[in-house]
Amino acid sequence: MDHGSAKMQEKVKTAFPIISLLLTIAALAVTSAYVLYKYTSDRSYRKKWRDYDDCGLA
């Protein structure tokens, strides 16, 4: 039974770095997607109100 337990521990040891790498990549992808979304949203908002700033209403 110790042999089966050792195999399981070895699988966990080899899977941990892969899982942590995938989680890191996913976190970076989500963060960059949010930053890109926020940038385009703010840019669109500023572009919308630029005409009002130019005419002096705001």
Protein backbone atom coordinates (compact mmCIF):
# COMPACT_ATOMS: atom_id res chain seq x y z
CA MET A 1 0.00 0.00 0.00
CA ASP A 2 2.91 2.33 0.55
CA HIS A 3 3.82 1.99 -3.11
CA GLY A 4 0.40 3.33 -4.20
CA SER A 5 0.63 6.18 -1.73
CA ALA A 6 4.07 7.10 -3.03
CA LYS A 7 2.76 7.17 -6.60
CA MET A 8 -0.08 9.46 -5.56
CA GLN A 9 2.30 11.84 -3.78
CA GLU A 10 4.56 11.89 -6.84
CA LYS A 11 1.61 12.79 -9.08
CA VAL A 12 0.64 15.60 -6.75
CA LYS A 13 4.21 16.91 -6.68
CA THR A 14 4.39 16.99 -10.48
CA ALA A 15 0.90 18.45 -10.93
CA PHE A 16 1.32 21.31 -8.45
CA PRO A 17 3.75 23.41 -10.54
CA ILE A 18 1.59 22.95 -13.63
CA ILE A 19 -1.58 23.99 -11.81
CA SER A 20 0.11 27.02 -10.22
CA LEU A 21 1.48 28.08 -13.61
CA LEU A 22 -1.96 27.80 -15.19
CA LEU A 23 -3.54 29.80 -12.36
CA THR A 24 -0.89 32.49 -12.74
CA ILE A 25 -1.49 32.71 -16.48
CA ALA A 26 -5.24 32.88 -15.91
CA ALA A 27 -4.83 35.65 -13.34
CA LEU A 28 -2.65 37.65 -15.73
CA ALA A 29 -5.14 37.17 -18.56
CA VAL A 30 -8.08 38.31 -16.41
CA THR A 31 -6.16 41.32 -15.12
CA SER A 32 -5.05 42.42 -18.57
CA ALA A 33 -8.57 41.94 -19.95
CA TYR A 34 -9.98 44.13 -17.16
CA VAL A 35 -7.38 46.85 -17.73
CA LEU A 36 -8.05 46.80 -21.47
CA TYR A 37 -11.81 46.96 -20.91
CA LYS A 38 -11.47 49.83 -18.45
CA TYR A 39 -9.19 51.75 -20.82
CA THR A 40 -11.53 51.39 -23.79
CA SER A 41 -14.55 52.24 -21.67
CA ASP A 42 -12.94 55.41 -20.31
CA ARG A 43 -11.73 56.36 -23.77
CA SER A 44 -15.22 55.96 -25.19
CA TYR A 45 -16.69 58.03 -22.35
CA ARG A 46 -14.18 60.84 -22.86
CA LYS A 47 -14.76 60.80 -26.62
CA LYS A 48 -18.51 61.08 -26.08
CA TRP A 49 -18.22 64.14 -23.85
CA ARG A 50 -15.45 65.86 -25.85
CA ASP A 51 -17.99 67.67 -28.04
CA TYR A 52 -19.70 69.14 -24.99
CA ASP A 53 -16.37 70.31 -23.57
CA ASP A 54 -15.52 71.99 -26.88
CA CYS A 55 -18.75 73.97 -27.02
CA GLY A 56 -18.54 75.13 -23.41
CA LEU A 57 -21.61 73.38 -21.98
CA ALA A 58 -19.69 71.37 -19.42
